[in-house]
């Protein structure tokens, strides 16, 4: 497997085929992903090998926590309306 630039996002590497519906949210999602990776102790590995070269388990943990956090955020917004 070729090593990708660790500073390149999956979108830039062509890994994501889904289109972001709100383009302004892309940076917020990137920030959330990095925050969660840091909380999981994966920041150093991401910097050294990049997301593309991480195990499916590690990437899945990050993605799963992102979904959980986003659901919590939406539930809080709904409860405060």
PDB file of N, CA and C in Angstrom:
ATOM      1  N   UNK A   1       0.846  -1.175   0.000  1.00  0.00           N
ATOM      2  CA  UNK A   1       0.000   0.000   0.000  1.00  0.00           C
ATOM      3  C   UNK A   1       0.888   1.232   0.000  1.00  0.00           C
ATOM      4  N   UNK A   2       0.612   2.162  -0.876  1.00  0.00           N
ATOM      5  CA  UNK A   2       1.393   3.394  -0.966  1.00  0.00           C
ATOM      6  C   UNK A   2       1.068   4.298   0.213  1.00  0.00           C
ATOM      7  N   UNK A   3       2.068   4.968   0.722  1.00  0.00           N
ATOM      8  CA  UNK A   3       1.870   5.890   1.826  1.00  0.00           C
ATOM      9  C   UNK A   3       1.356   7.213   1.283  1.00  0.00           C
ATOM     10  N   UNK A   4       0.294   7.699   1.900  1.00  0.00           N
ATOM     11  CA  UNK A   4      -0.308   8.966   1.493  1.00  0.00           C
ATOM     12  C   UNK A   4       0.207  10.069   2.408  1.00  0.00           C
ATOM     13  N   UNK A   5       0.084  11.281   1.965  1.00  0.00           N
ATOM     14  CA  UNK A   5       0.446  12.436   2.771  1.00  0.00           C
ATOM     15  C   UNK A   5      -0.456  12.471   3.994  1.00  0.00           C
ATOM     16  N   UNK A   6       0.106  12.406   5.222  1.00  0.00           N
ATOM     17  CA  UNK A   6      -0.734  12.385   6.428  1.00  0.00           C
ATOM     18  C   UNK A   6      -1.536  13.662   6.641  1.00  0.00           C
ATOM     19  N   UNK A   7      -1.185  14.735   5.945  1.00  0.00           N
ATOM     20  CA  UNK A   7      -1.922  15.987   6.087  1.00  0.00           C
ATOM     21  C   UNK A   7      -3.079  16.099   5.099  1.00  0.00           C
ATOM     22  N   UNK A   8      -3.271  15.077   4.284  1.00  0.00           N
ATOM     23  CA  UNK A   8      -4.334  15.073   3.287  1.00  0.00           C
ATOM     24  C   UNK A   8      -5.552  14.380   3.871  1.00  0.00           C
ATOM     25  N   UNK A   9      -6.723  14.961   3.651  1.00  0.00           N
ATOM     26  CA  UNK A   9      -7.945  14.344   4.162  1.00  0.00           C
ATOM     27  C   UNK A   9      -8.388  13.213   3.244  1.00  0.00           C
ATOM     28  N   UNK A  10      -9.300  12.380   3.718  1.00  0.00           N
ATOM     29  CA  UNK A  10      -9.826  11.289   2.887  1.00  0.00           C
ATOM     30  C   UNK A  10     -10.487  11.834   1.633  1.00  0.00           C
ATOM     31  N   UNK A  11     -11.169  12.965   1.748  1.00  0.00           N
ATOM     32  CA  UNK A  11     -11.835  13.564   0.592  1.00  0.00           C
ATOM     33  C   UNK A  11     -10.812  13.869  -0.480  1.00  0.00           C
ATOM     34  N   UNK A  12      -9.687  14.453  -0.085  1.00  0.00           N
ATOM     35  CA  UNK A  12      -8.658  14.809  -1.044  1.00  0.00           C
ATOM     36  C   UNK A  12      -7.998  13.566  -1.632  1.00  0.00           C
ATOM     37  N   UNK A  13      -8.027  12.454  -0.915  1.00  0.00           N
ATOM     38  CA  UNK A  13      -7.427  11.213  -1.386  1.00  0.00           C
ATOM     39  C   UNK A  13      -8.407  10.415  -2.233  1.00  0.00           C
ATOM     40  N   UNK A  14      -9.651  10.858  -2.329  1.00  0.00           N
ATOM     41  CA  UNK A  14     -10.627  10.164  -3.147  1.00  0.00           C
ATOM     42  C   UNK A  14     -11.316   9.011  -2.436  1.00  0.00           C
ATOM     43  N   UNK A  15     -11.224   8.930  -1.110  1.00  0.00           N
ATOM     44  CA  UNK A  15     -11.829   7.826  -0.378  1.00  0.00           C
ATOM     45  C   UNK A  15     -13.318   8.023  -0.156  1.00  0.00           C
ATOM     46  N   UNK A  16     -13.761   9.252  -0.145  1.00  0.00           N
ATOM     47  CA  UNK A  16     -15.164   9.514   0.130  1.00  0.00           C
ATOM     48  C   UNK A  16     -15.891   9.867  -1.156  1.00  0.00           C
ATOM     49  N   UNK A  17     -16.924   9.110  -1.457  1.00  0.00           N
ATOM     50  CA  UNK A  17     -17.716   9.386  -2.646  1.00  0.00           C
ATOM     51  C   UNK A  17     -18.962  10.186  -2.302  1.00  0.00           C
ATOM     52  N   UNK A  18     -19.241  10.344  -1.013  1.00  0.00           N
ATOM     53  CA  UNK A  18     -20.424  11.078  -0.598  1.00  0.00           C
ATOM     54  C   UNK A  18     -20.162  12.574  -0.681  1.00  0.00           C
ATOM     55  N   UNK A  19     -21.177  13.280  -1.087  1.00  0.00           N
ATOM     56  CA  UNK A  19     -21.079  14.721  -1.207  1.00  0.00           C
ATOM     57  C   UNK A  19     -21.568  15.359   0.089  1.00  0.00           C
ATOM     58  N   UNK A  20     -20.819  16.319   0.588  1.00  0.00           N
ATOM     59  CA  UNK A  20     -21.254  17.047   1.774  1.00  0.00           C
ATOM     60  C   UNK A  20     -22.371  17.987   1.359  1.00  0.00           C
ATOM     61  N   UNK A  21     -23.492  17.893   2.053  1.00  0.00           N
ATOM     62  CA  UNK A  21     -24.659  18.693   1.704  1.00  0.00           C
ATOM     63  C   UNK A  21     -24.509  20.154   2.111  1.00  0.00           C
ATOM     64  N   UNK A  22     -23.765  20.393   3.164  1.00  0.00           N
ATOM     65  CA  UNK A  22     -23.517  21.763   3.627  1.00  0.00           C
ATOM     66  C   UNK A  22     -22.001  21.977   3.597  1.00  0.00           C
ATOM     67  N   UNK A  23     -21.494  22.555   2.504  1.00  0.00           N
ATOM     68  CA  UNK A  23     -20.042  22.693   2.345  1.00  0.00           C
ATOM     69  C   UNK A  23     -19.354  23.393   3.522  1.00  0.00           C
ATOM     70  N   UNK A  24     -20.059  24.309   4.191  1.00  0.00           N
ATOM     71  CA  UNK A  24     -19.463  25.017   5.325  1.00  0.00           C
ATOM     72  C   UNK A  24     -19.191  24.075   6.497  1.00  0.00           C
ATOM     73  N   UNK A  25     -19.805  22.909   6.501  1.00  0.00           N
ATOM     74  CA  UNK A  25     -19.639  21.963   7.606  1.00  0.00           C
ATOM     75  C   UNK A  25     -18.384  21.118   7.464  1.00  0.00           C
ATOM     76  N   UNK A  26     -17.747  21.132   6.296  1.00  0.00           N
ATOM     77  CA  UNK A  26     -16.598  20.256   6.071  1.00  0.00           C
ATOM     78  C   UNK A  26     -15.491  20.488   7.090  1.00  0.00           C
ATOM     79  N   UNK A  27     -15.138  21.735   7.351  1.00  0.00           N
ATOM     80  CA  UNK A  27     -14.078  22.023   8.317  1.00  0.00           C
ATOM     81  C   UNK A  27     -14.494  21.629   9.732  1.00  0.00           C
ATOM     82  N   UNK A  28     -15.760  21.839  10.068  1.00  0.00           N
ATOM     83  CA  UNK A  28     -16.247  21.448  11.393  1.00  0.00           C
ATOM     84  C   UNK A  28     -16.159  19.932  11.571  1.00  0.00           C
ATOM     85  N   UNK A  29     -16.479  19.175  10.526  1.00  0.00           N
ATOM     86  CA  UNK A  29     -16.375  17.716  10.596  1.00  0.00           C
ATOM     87  C   UNK A  29     -14.922  17.279  10.735  1.00  0.00           C
ATOM     88  N   UNK A  30     -14.027  17.943  10.021  1.00  0.00           N
ATOM     89  CA  UNK A  30     -12.601  17.644  10.116  1.00  0.00           C
ATOM     90  C   UNK A  30     -12.109  17.916  11.535  1.00  0.00           C
ATOM     91  N   UNK A  31     -12.556  19.048  12.112  1.00  0.00           N
ATOM     92  CA  UNK A  31     -12.163  19.396  13.486  1.00  0.00           C
ATOM     93  C   UNK A  31     -12.693  18.363  14.476  1.00  0.00           C
ATOM     94  N   UNK A  32     -13.937  17.944  14.298  1.00  0.00           N
ATOM     95  CA  UNK A  32     -14.531  16.944  15.182  1.00  0.00           C
ATOM     96  C   UNK A  32     -13.759  15.633  15.090  1.00  0.00           C
ATOM     97  N   UNK A  33     -13.427  15.228  13.875  1.00  0.00           N
ATOM     98  CA  UNK A  33     -12.672  13.987  13.676  1.00  0.00           C
ATOM     99  C   UNK A  33     -11.327  14.055  14.393  1.00  0.00           C
ATOM    100  N   UNK A  34     -10.631  15.185  14.255  1.00  0.00           N
ATOM    101  CA  UNK A  34      -9.327  15.337  14.906  1.00  0.00           C
ATOM    102  C   UNK A  34      -9.453  15.377  16.425  1.00  0.00           C
ATOM    103  N   UNK A  35     -10.509  16.014  16.915  1.00  0.00           N
ATOM    104  CA  UNK A  35     -10.749  16.077  18.361  1.00  0.00           C
ATOM    105  C   UNK A  35     -10.972  14.677  18.934  1.00  0.00           C
ATOM    106  N   UNK A  36     -11.794  13.890  18.262  1.00  0.00           N
ATOM    107  CA  UNK A  36     -12.090  12.545  18.739  1.00  0.00           C
ATOM    108  C   UNK A  36     -10.859  11.653  18.625  1.00  0.00           C
ATOM    109  N   UNK A  37     -10.122  11.785  17.534  1.00  0.00           N
ATOM    110  CA  UNK A  37      -8.888  11.002  17.378  1.00  0.00           C
ATOM    111  C   UNK A  37      -7.930  11.301  18.521  1.00  0.00           C
ATOM    112  N   UNK A  38      -7.858  12.555  18.908  1.00  0.00           N
ATOM    113  CA  UNK A  38      -7.001  12.953  20.021  1.00  0.00           C
ATOM    114  C   UNK A  38      -7.485  12.318  21.325  1.00  0.00           C
ATOM    115  N   UNK A  39      -8.791  12.361  21.550  1.00  0.00           N
ATOM    116  CA  UNK A  39      -9.360  11.760  22.766  1.00  0.00           C
ATOM    117  C   UNK A  39      -9.099  10.256  22.820  1.00  0.00           C
ATOM    118  N   UNK A  40      -9.047   9.609  21.664  1.00  0.00           N
ATOM    119  CA  UNK A  40      -8.806   8.165  21.595  1.00  0.00           C
ATOM    120  C   UNK A  40      -7.314   7.825  21.588  1.00  0.00           C
ATOM    121  N   UNK A  41      -6.473   8.846  21.620  1.00  0.00           N
ATOM    122  CA  UNK A  41      -5.025   8.615  21.626  1.00  0.00           C
ATOM    123  C   UNK A  41      -4.471   8.200  20.271  1.00  0.00           C
ATOM    124  N   UNK A  42      -5.126   8.625  19.191  1.00  0.00           N
ATOM    125  CA  UNK A  42      -4.705   8.221  17.850  1.00  0.00           C
ATOM    126  C   UNK A  42      -4.071   9.356  17.046  1.00  0.00           C
ATOM    127  N   UNK A  43      -3.952  10.524  17.612  1.00  0.00           N
ATOM    128  CA  UNK A  43      -3.426  11.681  16.872  1.00  0.00           C
ATOM    129  C   UNK A  43      -2.018  11.444  16.348  1.00  0.00           C
ATOM    130  N   UNK A  44      -1.160  10.889  17.183  1.00  0.00           N
ATOM    131  CA  UNK A  44       0.235  10.667  16.780  1.00  0.00           C
ATOM    132  C   UNK A  44       0.310   9.699  15.602  1.00  0.00           C
ATOM    133  N   UNK A  45      -0.501   8.646  15.643  1.00  0.00           N
ATOM    134  CA  UNK A  45      -0.491   7.675  14.545  1.00  0.00           C
ATOM    135  C   UNK A  45      -1.011   8.315  13.261  1.00  0.00           C
ATOM    136  N   UNK A  46      -2.043   9.137  13.374  1.00  0.00           N
ATOM    137  CA  UNK A  46      -2.588   9.810  12.199  1.00  0.00           C
ATOM    138  C   UNK A  46      -1.527  10.710  11.583  1.00  0.00           C
ATOM    139  N   UNK A  47      -0.793  11.420  12.411  1.00  0.00           N
ATOM    140  CA  UNK A  47       0.255  12.311  11.905  1.00  0.00           C
ATOM    141  C   UNK A  47       1.378  11.525  11.243  1.00  0.00           C
ATOM    142  N   UNK A  48       1.671  10.336  11.748  1.00  0.00           N
ATOM    143  CA  UNK A  48       2.795   9.583  11.190  1.00  0.00           C
ATOM    144  C   UNK A  48       2.425   8.757   9.959  1.00  0.00           C
ATOM    145  N   UNK A  49       1.220   8.177   9.918  1.00  0.00           N
ATOM    146  CA  UNK A  49       0.874   7.307   8.782  1.00  0.00           C
ATOM    147  C   UNK A  49      -0.293   7.816   7.954  1.00  0.00           C
ATOM    148  N   UNK A  50      -1.073   8.757   8.475  1.00  0.00           N
ATOM    149  CA  UNK A  50      -2.238   9.273   7.757  1.00  0.00           C
ATOM    150  C   UNK A  50      -3.443   8.365   7.938  1.00  0.00           C
ATOM    151  N   UNK A  51      -4.622   8.919   7.722  1.00  0.00           N
ATOM    152  CA  UNK A  51      -5.864   8.163   7.888  1.00  0.00           C
ATOM    153  C   UNK A  51      -5.923   6.956   6.960  1.00  0.00           C
ATOM    154  N   UNK A  52      -5.433   7.118   5.741  1.00  0.00           N
ATOM    155  CA  UNK A  52      -5.546   6.053   4.737  1.00  0.00           C
ATOM    156  C   UNK A  52      -4.801   4.790   5.133  1.00  0.00           C
ATOM    157  N   UNK A  53      -3.810   4.909   5.999  1.00  0.00           N
ATOM    158  CA  UNK A  53      -3.005   3.758   6.381  1.00  0.00           C
ATOM    159  C   UNK A  53      -3.303   3.257   7.792  1.00  0.00           C
ATOM    160  N   UNK A  54      -4.405   3.683   8.353  1.00  0.00           N
ATOM    161  CA  UNK A  54      -4.803   3.210   9.674  1.00  0.00           C
ATOM    162  C   UNK A  54      -5.685   1.983   9.515  1.00  0.00           C
ATOM    163  N   UNK A  55      -5.803   1.223  10.581  1.00  0.00           N
ATOM    164  CA  UNK A  55      -6.615   0.007  10.514  1.00  0.00           C
ATOM    165  C   UNK A  55      -8.100   0.365  10.458  1.00  0.00           C
ATOM    166  N   UNK A  56      -8.899  -0.512   9.865  1.00  0.00           N
ATOM    167  CA  UNK A  56     -10.346  -0.281   9.841  1.00  0.00           C
ATOM    168  C   UNK A  56     -10.920  -0.137  11.254  1.00  0.00           C
ATOM    169  N   UNK A  57     -10.369  -0.863  12.203  1.00  0.00           N
ATOM    170  CA  UNK A  57     -10.826  -0.767  13.588  1.00  0.00           C
ATOM    171  C   UNK A  57     -10.630   0.644  14.126  1.00  0.00           C
ATOM    172  N   UNK A  58      -9.434   1.212  13.897  1.00  0.00           N
ATOM    173  CA  UNK A  58      -9.134   2.555  14.411  1.00  0.00           C
ATOM    174  C   UNK A  58     -10.012   3.611  13.742  1.00  0.00           C
ATOM    175  N   UNK A  59     -10.124   3.532  12.437  1.00  0.00           N
ATOM    176  CA  UNK A  59     -10.941   4.498  11.706  1.00  0.00           C
ATOM    177  C   UNK A  59     -12.411   4.341  12.106  1.00  0.00           C
ATOM    178  N   UNK A  60     -12.843   3.100  12.317  1.00  0.00           N
ATOM    179  CA  UNK A  60     -14.214   2.842  12.745  1.00  0.00           C
ATOM    180  C   UNK A  60     -14.513   3.411  14.117  1.00  0.00           C
ATOM    181  N   UNK A  61     -13.541   3.333  15.009  1.00  0.00           N
ATOM    182  CA  UNK A  61     -13.724   3.919  16.348  1.00  0.00           C
ATOM    183  C   UNK A  61     -13.919   5.424  16.243  1.00  0.00           C
ATOM    184  N   UNK A  62     -13.118   6.055  15.408  1.00  0.00           N
ATOM    185  CA  UNK A  62     -13.238   7.501  15.228  1.00  0.00           C
ATOM    186  C   UNK A  62     -14.604   7.831  14.630  1.00  0.00           C
ATOM    187  N   UNK A  63     -14.968   7.149  13.556  1.00  0.00           N
ATOM    188  CA  UNK A  63     -16.251   7.400  12.900  1.00  0.00           C
ATOM    189  C   UNK A  63     -17.433   7.136  13.811  1.00  0.00           C
ATOM    190  N   UNK A  64     -17.363   6.067  14.572  1.00  0.00           N
ATOM    191  CA  UNK A  64     -18.448   5.729  15.491  1.00  0.00           C
ATOM    192  C   UNK A  64     -18.641   6.792  16.559  1.00  0.00           C
ATOM    193  N   UNK A  65     -17.533   7.295  17.084  1.00  0.00           N
ATOM    194  CA  UNK A  65     -17.616   8.351  18.091  1.00  0.00           C
ATOM    195  C   UNK A  65     -18.112   9.668  17.482  1.00  0.00           C
ATOM    196  N   UNK A  66     -17.741   9.910  16.218  1.00  0.00           N
ATOM    197  CA  UNK A  66     -18.244  11.109  15.539  1.00  0.00           C
ATOM    198  C   UNK A  66     -19.763  11.048  15.422  1.00  0.00           C
ATOM    199  N   UNK A  67     -20.285   9.905  15.002  1.00  0.00           N
ATOM    200  CA  UNK A  67     -21.737   9.749  14.852  1.00  0.00           C
ATOM    201  C   UNK A  67     -22.419   9.913  16.201  1.00  0.00           C
ATOM    202  N   UNK A  68     -21.867   9.279  17.225  1.00  0.00           N
ATOM    203  CA  UNK A  68     -22.437   9.382  18.566  1.00  0.00           C
ATOM    204  C   UNK A  68     -22.482  10.840  19.024  1.00  0.00           C
ATOM    205  N   UNK A  69     -21.392  11.565  18.823  1.00  0.00           N
ATOM    206  CA  UNK A  69     -21.319  12.963  19.242  1.00  0.00           C
ATOM    207  C   UNK A  69     -22.303  13.822  18.455  1.00  0.00           C
ATOM    208  N   UNK A  70     -22.416  13.570  17.132  1.00  0.00           N
ATOM    209  CA  UNK A  70     -23.347  14.365  16.323  1.00  0.00           C
ATOM    210  C   UNK A  70     -24.792  14.097  16.717  1.00  0.00           C
ATOM    211  N   UNK A  71     -25.121  12.861  17.044  1.00  0.00           N
ATOM    212  CA  UNK A  71     -26.477  12.539  17.505  1.00  0.00           C
ATOM    213  C   UNK A  71     -26.766  13.267  18.810  1.00  0.00           C
ATOM    214  N   UNK A  72     -25.801  13.268  19.720  1.00  0.00           N
ATOM    215  CA  UNK A  72     -25.975  13.985  20.989  1.00  0.00           C
ATOM    216  C   UNK A  72     -26.209  15.473  20.738  1.00  0.00           C
ATOM    217  N   UNK A  73     -25.455  16.049  19.803  1.00  0.00           N
ATOM    218  CA  UNK A  73     -25.594  17.476  19.499  1.00  0.00           C
ATOM    219  C   UNK A  73     -26.987  17.782  18.958  1.00  0.00           C
ATOM    220  N   UNK A  74     -27.479  16.955  18.054  1.00  0.00           N
ATOM    221  CA  UNK A  74     -28.811  17.177  17.470  1.00  0.00           C
ATOM    222  C   UNK A  74     -29.890  16.972  18.524  1.00  0.00           C
ATOM    223  N   UNK A  75     -29.748  15.953  19.360  1.00  0.00           N
ATOM    224  CA  UNK A  75     -30.734  15.726  20.420  1.00  0.00           C
ATOM    225  C   UNK A  75     -30.790  16.928  21.361  1.00  0.00           C
ATOM    226  N   UNK A  76     -29.635  17.485  21.702  1.00  0.00           N
ATOM    227  CA  UNK A  76     -29.595  18.667  22.570  1.00  0.00           C
ATOM    228  C   UNK A  76     -30.274  19.857  21.892  1.00  0.00           C
ATOM    229  N   UNK A  77     -30.022  20.049  20.600  1.00  0.00           N
ATOM    230  CA  UNK A  77     -30.662  21.142  19.871  1.00  0.00           C
ATOM    231  C   UNK A  77     -32.177  20.962  19.839  1.00  0.00           C
ATOM    232  N   UNK A  78     -32.631  19.733  19.630  1.00  0.00           N
ATOM    233  CA  UNK A  78     -34.059  19.466  19.582  1.00  0.00           C
ATOM    234  C   UNK A  78     -34.714  19.679  20.931  1.00  0.00           C
ATOM    235  N   UNK A  79     -34.019  19.310  21.981  1.00  0.00           N
ATOM    236  CA  UNK A  79     -34.563  19.459  23.323  1.00  0.00           C
ATOM    237  C   UNK A  79     -34.664  20.922  23.743  1.00  0.00           C
ATOM    238  N   UNK A  80     -33.814  21.763  23.176  1.00  0.00           N
ATOM    239  CA  UNK A  80     -33.782  23.185  23.540  1.00  0.00           C
ATOM    240  C   UNK A  80     -34.667  24.038  22.663  1.00  0.00           C
ATOM    241  N   UNK A  81     -35.431  23.448  21.766  1.00  0.00           N
ATOM    242  CA  UNK A  81     -36.327  24.243  20.889  1.00  0.00           C
ATOM    243  C   UNK A  81     -37.649  24.444  21.552  1.00  0.00           C
TER     244      UNK A  81
END
